Amino acid sequence: MLGKIIGAAVGRRLAGPNNGGTGALLGYLAPAVARRGLGPLGLLLAGGYVAKKVLNRRRDRRAAA
């Protein structure tokens, strides 16, 4: 039920002034896309974030030396 509420909010925001069927369709599809797509995408984003932190620390240590 929470996914449907969030989907409706996302659909309303994405549709903008076109309060037609597009917003309803996007709101219906948003939870399914989030459920299937955010797992691998989230993992990829988290890995990139960690890699950036590691590289920044290495660069800072080399600059300090």
C-alpha atoms as a PDB file:
ATOM      1  CA  MET A   1       0.000   0.000   0.000  1.00  0.00           C
ATOM      2  CA  LEU A   2       2.841   2.365   0.781  1.00  0.00           C
ATOM      3  CA  GLY A   3       4.281   1.746  -2.681  1.00  0.00           C
ATOM      4  CA  LYS A   4       1.008   2.806  -4.292  1.00  0.00           C
ATOM      5  CA  ILE A   5       0.928   6.030  -2.295  1.00  0.00           C
ATOM      6  CA  ILE A   6       4.525   6.835  -3.199  1.00  0.00           C
ATOM      7  CA  GLY A   7       3.798   5.889  -6.802  1.00  0.00           C
ATOM      8  CA  ALA A   8       0.865   8.276  -6.913  1.00  0.00           C
ATOM      9  CA  ALA A   9       3.023  11.098  -5.558  1.00  0.00           C
ATOM     10  CA  VAL A  10       5.784  10.365  -8.067  1.00  0.00           C
ATOM     11  CA  GLY A  11       3.298  10.174 -10.912  1.00  0.00           C
ATOM     12  CA  ARG A  12       1.681  13.455  -9.957  1.00  0.00           C
ATOM     13  CA  ARG A  13       5.060  15.160  -9.810  1.00  0.00           C
ATOM     14  CA  LEU A  14       6.311  13.709 -13.091  1.00  0.00           C
ATOM     15  CA  ALA A  15       3.118  14.522 -14.945  1.00  0.00           C
ATOM     16  CA  GLY A  16       3.301  18.180 -13.951  1.00  0.00           C
ATOM     17  CA  PRO A  17       0.552  20.286 -15.497  1.00  0.00           C
ATOM     18  CA  ASN A  18      -0.605  17.376 -17.677  1.00  0.00           C
ATOM     19  CA  ASN A  19      -2.895  15.763 -15.126  1.00  0.00           C
ATOM     20  CA  GLY A  20      -4.010  13.147 -17.595  1.00  0.00           C
ATOM     21  CA  GLY A  21      -3.289   9.468 -17.974  1.00  0.00           C
ATOM     22  CA  THR A  22       0.461   9.966 -18.164  1.00  0.00           C
ATOM     23  CA  GLY A  23       0.798  10.711 -14.465  1.00  0.00           C
ATOM     24  CA  ALA A  24      -1.383   7.755 -13.538  1.00  0.00           C
ATOM     25  CA  LEU A  25       0.646   5.446 -15.754  1.00  0.00           C
ATOM     26  CA  LEU A  26       3.937   6.700 -14.346  1.00  0.00           C
ATOM     27  CA  GLY A  27       2.596   6.370 -10.824  1.00  0.00           C
ATOM     28  CA  TYR A  28       1.531   2.814 -11.525  1.00  0.00           C
ATOM     29  CA  LEU A  29       4.903   1.837 -12.979  1.00  0.00           C
ATOM     30  CA  ALA A  30       7.162   3.705 -10.517  1.00  0.00           C
ATOM     31  CA  PRO A  31       7.039   1.119  -7.681  1.00  0.00           C
ATOM     32  CA  ALA A  32       7.768  -1.751 -10.077  1.00  0.00           C
ATOM     33  CA  VAL A  33      10.714   0.097 -11.612  1.00  0.00           C
ATOM     34  CA  ALA A  34      12.017   1.018  -8.158  1.00  0.00           C
ATOM     35  CA  ARG A  35      11.680  -2.549  -6.923  1.00  0.00           C
ATOM     36  CA  ARG A  36      13.538  -4.071  -9.863  1.00  0.00           C
ATOM     37  CA  GLY A  37      15.926  -1.330 -10.887  1.00  0.00           C
ATOM     38  CA  LEU A  38      17.108   0.260  -7.675  1.00  0.00           C
ATOM     39  CA  GLY A  39      18.766  -2.879  -6.319  1.00  0.00           C
ATOM     40  CA  PRO A  40      21.506  -3.111  -8.954  1.00  0.00           C
ATOM     41  CA  LEU A  41      21.543   0.637  -9.529  1.00  0.00           C
ATOM     42  CA  GLY A  42      21.819   1.328  -5.814  1.00  0.00           C
ATOM     43  CA  LEU A  43      24.661  -1.155  -5.523  1.00  0.00           C
ATOM     44  CA  LEU A  44      26.458   0.501  -8.418  1.00  0.00           C
ATOM     45  CA  LEU A  45      25.994   3.976  -6.923  1.00  0.00           C
ATOM     46  CA  ALA A  46      27.182   2.826  -3.500  1.00  0.00           C
ATOM     47  CA  GLY A  47      30.276   1.219  -5.045  1.00  0.00           C
ATOM     48  CA  GLY A  48      31.065   4.419  -6.919  1.00  0.00           C
ATOM     49  CA  TYR A  49      30.670   6.456  -3.755  1.00  0.00           C
ATOM     50  CA  VAL A  50      33.034   4.195  -1.814  1.00  0.00           C
ATOM     51  CA  ALA A  51      35.580   4.240  -4.648  1.00  0.00           C
ATOM     52  CA  LYS A  52      35.487   8.048  -4.737  1.00  0.00           C
ATOM     53  CA  LYS A  53      36.052   8.247  -0.974  1.00  0.00           C
ATOM     54  CA  VAL A  54      39.017   5.868  -1.182  1.00  0.00           C
ATOM     55  CA  LEU A  55      40.591   7.789  -4.054  1.00  0.00           C
ATOM     56  CA  ASN A  56      40.131  11.111  -2.264  1.00  0.00           C
ATOM     57  CA  ARG A  57      41.798   9.755   0.878  1.00  0.00           C
ATOM     58  CA  ARG A  58      44.737   8.430  -1.126  1.00  0.00           C
ATOM     59  CA  ARG A  59      45.116  11.778  -2.892  1.00  0.00           C
ATOM     60  CA  ASP A  60      44.990  13.672   0.415  1.00  0.00           C
ATOM     61  CA  ARG A  61      47.622  11.401   1.985  1.00  0.00           C
ATOM     62  CA  ARG A  62      49.956  11.859  -0.974  1.00  0.00           C
ATOM     63  CA  ALA A  63      49.511  15.635  -0.921  1.00  0.00           C
ATOM     64  CA  ALA A  64      50.275  15.759   2.812  1.00  0.00           C
ATOM     65  CA  ALA A  65      53.489  13.769   2.396  1.00  0.00           C
END
